[in-house]
């Protein structure tokens, strides 16, 4: 199942695992990404609240979580 926010973040849910990313549109608008700030392991994220940032050669933007939960790992 996919959940999207109006700010172009999405969560793909499989069982108890959510993979969070940005839409293809947002990726094209950002261009080359140079930095991503993510929460530490076991940090909680809350639906609709910012949890990190993404920076490209064109712009910087906060990342908002489409779901609530805790971060276990980054792949």
N, C-alpha and C. Protein backbone atom coordinates (compact mmCIF):
# COMPACT_ATOMS: atom_id res chain seq x y z
N UNK A 1 0.85 -1.16 0.00
CA UNK A 1 0.00 0.00 0.00
C UNK A 1 0.90 1.24 0.00
N UNK A 2 0.52 2.26 -0.74
CA UNK A 2 1.27 3.52 -0.79
C UNK A 2 0.47 4.64 -0.15
N UNK A 3 1.16 5.47 0.62
CA UNK A 3 0.58 6.66 1.21
C UNK A 3 1.41 7.85 0.76
N UNK A 4 0.77 8.89 0.22
CA UNK A 4 1.46 10.08 -0.25
C UNK A 4 1.06 11.29 0.57
N UNK A 5 2.00 12.23 0.71
CA UNK A 5 1.71 13.54 1.27
C UNK A 5 1.67 14.55 0.14
N UNK A 6 0.98 15.68 0.32
CA UNK A 6 0.98 16.72 -0.71
C UNK A 6 2.39 17.29 -0.98
N UNK A 7 3.31 17.07 -0.06
CA UNK A 7 4.68 17.56 -0.21
C UNK A 7 5.57 16.57 -0.95
N UNK A 8 4.98 15.52 -1.54
CA UNK A 8 5.63 14.55 -2.42
C UNK A 8 6.45 13.46 -1.73
N UNK A 9 6.33 13.30 -0.41
CA UNK A 9 6.91 12.14 0.25
C UNK A 9 5.89 11.01 0.17
N UNK A 10 6.39 9.77 0.19
CA UNK A 10 5.48 8.62 0.19
C UNK A 10 6.00 7.58 1.16
N UNK A 11 5.10 6.67 1.56
CA UNK A 11 5.48 5.50 2.34
C UNK A 11 4.89 4.29 1.64
N UNK A 12 5.72 3.30 1.39
CA UNK A 12 5.29 2.01 0.85
C UNK A 12 5.28 1.04 2.02
N UNK A 13 4.11 0.49 2.33
CA UNK A 13 3.94 -0.38 3.50
C UNK A 13 3.90 -1.84 3.08
N UNK A 14 4.77 -2.66 3.71
CA UNK A 14 4.76 -4.11 3.54
C UNK A 14 4.90 -4.72 4.93
N UNK A 15 3.82 -5.31 5.42
CA UNK A 15 3.84 -5.87 6.77
C UNK A 15 4.05 -4.77 7.80
N UNK A 16 5.08 -4.92 8.65
CA UNK A 16 5.40 -3.92 9.67
C UNK A 16 6.48 -2.94 9.22
N UNK A 17 6.80 -2.96 7.93
CA UNK A 17 7.89 -2.13 7.42
C UNK A 17 7.37 -1.08 6.45
N UNK A 18 7.80 0.15 6.66
CA UNK A 18 7.47 1.24 5.75
C UNK A 18 8.76 1.76 5.13
N UNK A 19 8.76 1.89 3.82
CA UNK A 19 9.87 2.50 3.12
C UNK A 19 9.42 3.89 2.71
N UNK A 20 10.15 4.91 3.16
CA UNK A 20 9.78 6.29 2.88
C UNK A 20 10.70 6.84 1.80
N UNK A 21 10.11 7.55 0.85
CA UNK A 21 10.88 8.15 -0.22
C UNK A 21 10.20 9.41 -0.74
N UNK A 22 10.74 9.95 -1.82
CA UNK A 22 10.12 11.11 -2.45
C UNK A 22 9.60 10.69 -3.82
N UNK A 23 8.59 11.39 -4.30
CA UNK A 23 7.99 11.06 -5.59
C UNK A 23 8.97 11.30 -6.73
N UNK A 24 8.70 10.68 -7.86
CA UNK A 24 9.53 10.89 -9.04
C UNK A 24 9.52 12.36 -9.46
N UNK A 25 8.35 13.00 -9.34
CA UNK A 25 8.25 14.43 -9.66
C UNK A 25 9.20 15.24 -8.79
N UNK A 26 9.19 15.00 -7.48
CA UNK A 26 10.07 15.74 -6.56
C UNK A 26 11.54 15.49 -6.89
N UNK A 27 11.86 14.24 -7.20
CA UNK A 27 13.25 13.91 -7.54
C UNK A 27 13.70 14.65 -8.79
N UNK A 28 12.83 14.73 -9.79
CA UNK A 28 13.18 15.47 -11.01
C UNK A 28 13.35 16.96 -10.72
N UNK A 29 12.50 17.50 -9.87
CA UNK A 29 12.57 18.93 -9.54
C UNK A 29 13.86 19.25 -8.77
N UNK A 30 14.26 18.36 -7.88
CA UNK A 30 15.47 18.59 -7.09
C UNK A 30 16.74 18.46 -7.91
N UNK A 31 16.77 17.54 -8.83
CA UNK A 31 18.00 17.31 -9.60
C UNK A 31 18.96 16.45 -8.78
N UNK A 32 20.24 16.74 -8.90
CA UNK A 32 21.27 15.95 -8.21
C UNK A 32 21.25 16.21 -6.71
N UNK A 33 20.94 15.17 -5.94
CA UNK A 33 20.91 15.28 -4.48
C UNK A 33 22.34 15.19 -3.94
N UNK A 34 22.69 16.13 -3.05
CA UNK A 34 24.05 16.16 -2.50
C UNK A 34 24.09 15.79 -1.02
N UNK A 35 22.93 15.82 -0.33
CA UNK A 35 22.92 15.53 1.10
C UNK A 35 21.51 15.17 1.54
N UNK A 36 21.39 14.16 2.42
CA UNK A 36 20.12 13.80 3.03
C UNK A 36 20.35 13.67 4.53
N UNK A 37 19.56 14.38 5.33
CA UNK A 37 19.63 14.32 6.79
C UNK A 37 18.50 13.42 7.26
N UNK A 38 18.84 12.33 7.96
CA UNK A 38 17.86 11.37 8.42
C UNK A 38 17.91 11.25 9.94
N UNK A 39 16.82 10.76 10.56
CA UNK A 39 16.85 10.57 12.01
C UNK A 39 17.78 9.42 12.40
N UNK A 40 18.19 9.40 13.65
CA UNK A 40 19.02 8.33 14.18
C UNK A 40 18.19 7.06 14.34
N UNK A 41 18.86 5.91 14.44
CA UNK A 41 18.18 4.63 14.66
C UNK A 41 17.33 4.71 15.92
N UNK A 42 16.15 4.13 15.87
CA UNK A 42 15.17 4.09 16.97
C UNK A 42 14.51 5.42 17.28
N UNK A 43 14.78 6.48 16.51
CA UNK A 43 14.05 7.74 16.67
C UNK A 43 12.62 7.55 16.16
N UNK A 44 11.68 8.18 16.81
CA UNK A 44 10.29 8.14 16.37
C UNK A 44 10.06 9.18 15.28
N UNK A 45 9.20 8.85 14.33
CA UNK A 45 8.72 9.81 13.34
C UNK A 45 7.21 9.88 13.48
N UNK A 46 6.65 11.05 13.24
CA UNK A 46 5.21 11.26 13.40
C UNK A 46 4.62 11.73 12.08
N UNK A 47 3.51 11.14 11.71
CA UNK A 47 2.84 11.48 10.46
C UNK A 47 2.63 12.98 10.35
N UNK A 48 3.06 13.55 9.22
CA UNK A 48 2.86 14.97 8.94
C UNK A 48 3.92 15.89 9.51
N UNK A 49 4.82 15.36 10.34
CA UNK A 49 5.87 16.19 10.93
C UNK A 49 7.19 15.97 10.21
N UNK A 50 8.06 16.99 10.24
CA UNK A 50 9.35 16.85 9.57
C UNK A 50 10.25 15.90 10.35
N UNK A 51 11.05 15.14 9.61
CA UNK A 51 11.96 14.18 10.24
C UNK A 51 13.36 14.26 9.66
N UNK A 52 13.58 15.11 8.69
CA UNK A 52 14.89 15.23 8.08
C UNK A 52 14.87 16.28 6.99
N UNK A 53 15.90 16.28 6.17
CA UNK A 53 16.00 17.26 5.09
C UNK A 53 16.72 16.63 3.91
N UNK A 54 16.48 17.20 2.74
CA UNK A 54 17.15 16.76 1.52
C UNK A 54 17.67 18.01 0.81
N UNK A 55 18.91 17.95 0.36
CA UNK A 55 19.52 19.09 -0.33
C UNK A 55 20.03 18.64 -1.69
N UNK A 56 19.84 19.50 -2.67
CA UNK A 56 20.36 19.25 -4.01
C UNK A 56 21.14 20.47 -4.46
N UNK A 57 21.67 20.40 -5.65
CA UNK A 57 22.39 21.56 -6.17
C UNK A 57 21.43 22.71 -6.46
N UNK A 58 20.11 22.41 -6.56
CA UNK A 58 19.10 23.42 -6.86
C UNK A 58 18.40 23.98 -5.62
N UNK A 59 18.16 23.14 -4.61
CA UNK A 59 17.31 23.56 -3.49
C UNK A 59 17.52 22.67 -2.27
N UNK A 60 16.97 23.12 -1.15
CA UNK A 60 16.94 22.32 0.08
C UNK A 60 15.49 22.26 0.54
N UNK A 61 15.10 21.13 1.12
CA UNK A 61 13.72 20.96 1.54
C UNK A 61 13.65 20.06 2.76
N UNK A 62 12.71 20.35 3.66
CA UNK A 62 12.44 19.46 4.77
C UNK A 62 11.72 18.22 4.24
N UNK A 63 11.91 17.10 4.95
CA UNK A 63 11.19 15.86 4.64
C UNK A 63 10.13 15.64 5.71
N UNK A 64 8.92 15.28 5.30
CA UNK A 64 7.81 15.04 6.21
C UNK A 64 7.40 13.58 6.13
N UNK A 65 7.05 13.02 7.27
CA UNK A 65 6.71 11.60 7.32
C UNK A 65 5.24 11.37 6.96
N UNK A 66 4.98 10.45 6.02
CA UNK A 66 3.60 10.12 5.69
C UNK A 66 2.97 9.14 6.68
N UNK A 67 3.77 8.58 7.59
CA UNK A 67 3.28 7.62 8.59
C UNK A 67 4.00 7.87 9.92
N UNK A 68 3.47 7.29 10.98
CA UNK A 68 4.13 7.35 12.29
C UNK A 68 4.80 6.02 12.60
N UNK A 69 5.90 6.07 13.33
CA UNK A 69 6.60 4.85 13.72
C UNK A 69 8.00 5.18 14.19
N UNK A 70 8.85 4.14 14.33
CA UNK A 70 10.25 4.39 14.70
C UNK A 70 11.16 3.88 13.61
N UNK A 71 12.28 4.55 13.48
CA UNK A 71 13.24 4.23 12.43
C UNK A 71 14.14 3.10 12.93
N UNK A 72 14.18 2.02 12.18
CA UNK A 72 15.03 0.88 12.53
C UNK A 72 16.31 0.87 11.71
N UNK A 73 16.24 1.22 10.44
CA UNK A 73 17.43 1.18 9.59
C UNK A 73 17.21 2.04 8.35
N UNK A 74 18.28 2.30 7.64
CA UNK A 74 18.23 3.01 6.37
C UNK A 74 18.86 2.11 5.33
N UNK A 75 18.19 1.96 4.22
CA UNK A 75 18.73 1.15 3.12
C UNK A 75 18.97 2.05 1.95
